[in-house]
Amino acid sequence: MAENAKNRPIENENPLIGNIIIFVVMAAIFVAGIVAVSWLDFTNVWPMAALILCFAGAFFIPMTFIGRSDSGSEHRK
């Protein structure tokens, strides 16, 4: 059973359109974080809140949608 898993071709592991979409989303989050830093002062809390949300989005979007949570499934069987 393990030999069949090794010989299977990888199906759409890195589709180009998906990579482009994720890149555009990550670039938009990065630019939003830069803009939030430029508005940052210590009299208003909203730029820092936006900066924290950009950090959380930049961390959790790749971990959730790009991460390979099934990469060890063939070894657990």
Protein backbone atom coordinates (compact mmCIF):
# COMPACT_ATOMS: atom_id res chain seq x y z
CA MET A 1 0.00 0.00 0.00
CA ALA A 2 2.90 2.36 0.71
CA GLU A 3 4.40 1.72 -2.74
CA ASN A 4 1.20 2.84 -4.45
CA ALA A 5 1.29 6.10 -2.48
CA LYS A 6 4.87 6.79 -3.60
CA ASN A 7 4.14 6.26 -7.30
CA ARG A 8 1.04 8.47 -7.46
CA PRO A 9 1.51 11.80 -9.24
CA ILE A 10 0.91 14.97 -7.26
CA GLU A 11 -2.40 16.47 -8.33
CA ASN A 12 -2.54 20.28 -8.44
CA GLU A 13 -0.14 20.76 -5.55
CA ASN A 14 0.73 24.31 -6.62
CA PRO A 15 -1.86 25.69 -9.03
CA LEU A 16 -0.72 28.97 -10.59
CA ILE A 17 -4.00 30.84 -10.19
CA GLY A 18 -4.23 29.95 -6.51
CA ASN A 19 -0.68 31.14 -5.92
CA ILE A 20 -1.39 34.43 -7.68
CA ILE A 21 -4.56 35.01 -5.65
CA ILE A 22 -2.80 34.28 -2.35
CA PHE A 23 0.10 36.55 -3.37
CA VAL A 24 -2.27 39.43 -4.14
CA VAL A 25 -4.09 38.96 -0.82
CA MET A 26 -0.81 38.85 1.13
CA ALA A 27 0.49 41.93 -0.72
CA ALA A 28 -2.72 43.80 0.14
CA ILE A 29 -2.37 42.85 3.81
CA PHE A 30 1.26 44.01 3.74
CA VAL A 31 0.34 47.37 2.20
CA ALA A 32 -2.50 47.78 4.73
CA GLY A 33 0.00 47.15 7.53
CA ILE A 34 2.39 49.78 6.12
CA VAL A 35 -0.47 52.29 5.91
CA ALA A 36 -1.52 51.45 9.48
CA VAL A 37 2.03 52.07 10.69
CA SER A 38 2.10 55.45 8.95
CA TRP A 39 -1.10 56.47 10.78
CA LEU A 40 0.15 55.18 14.13
CA ASP A 41 0.18 57.63 16.99
CA PHE A 42 -0.44 57.10 20.66
CA THR A 43 -3.66 59.13 20.84
CA ASN A 44 -5.76 56.79 18.70
CA VAL A 45 -6.06 53.04 19.14
CA TRP A 46 -7.49 52.10 15.72
CA PRO A 47 -4.26 52.11 13.67
CA MET A 48 -2.68 49.71 16.17
CA ALA A 49 -5.80 47.53 16.09
CA ALA A 50 -5.58 47.44 12.28
CA LEU A 51 -1.89 46.59 12.53
CA ILE A 52 -2.62 43.68 14.89
CA LEU A 53 -5.35 42.42 12.53
CA CYS A 54 -2.92 42.61 9.60
CA PHE A 55 -0.40 40.59 11.59
CA ALA A 56 -3.00 37.99 12.51
CA GLY A 57 -4.20 37.77 8.91
CA ALA A 58 -0.69 37.50 7.54
CA PHE A 59 0.02 34.69 9.99
CA PHE A 60 -3.20 32.67 9.88
CA ILE A 61 -4.10 32.91 6.16
CA PRO A 62 -0.97 31.05 5.00
CA MET A 63 -1.20 28.59 7.89
CA THR A 64 -4.83 27.79 7.09
CA PHE A 65 -5.10 27.88 3.31
CA ILE A 66 -1.57 27.22 2.11
CA GLY A 67 -0.44 24.86 4.88
CA ARG A 68 -0.22 21.15 4.13
CA SER A 69 -2.13 19.67 7.02
CA ASP A 70 -2.49 16.35 5.17
CA SER A 71 1.21 15.87 4.37
CA GLY A 72 1.66 13.05 6.86
CA SER A 73 -1.55 11.19 6.13
CA GLU A 74 0.17 8.47 4.09
CA HIS A 75 2.50 7.69 6.99
CA ARG A 76 -0.25 7.41 9.59
CA LYS A 77 -2.11 4.58 7.84
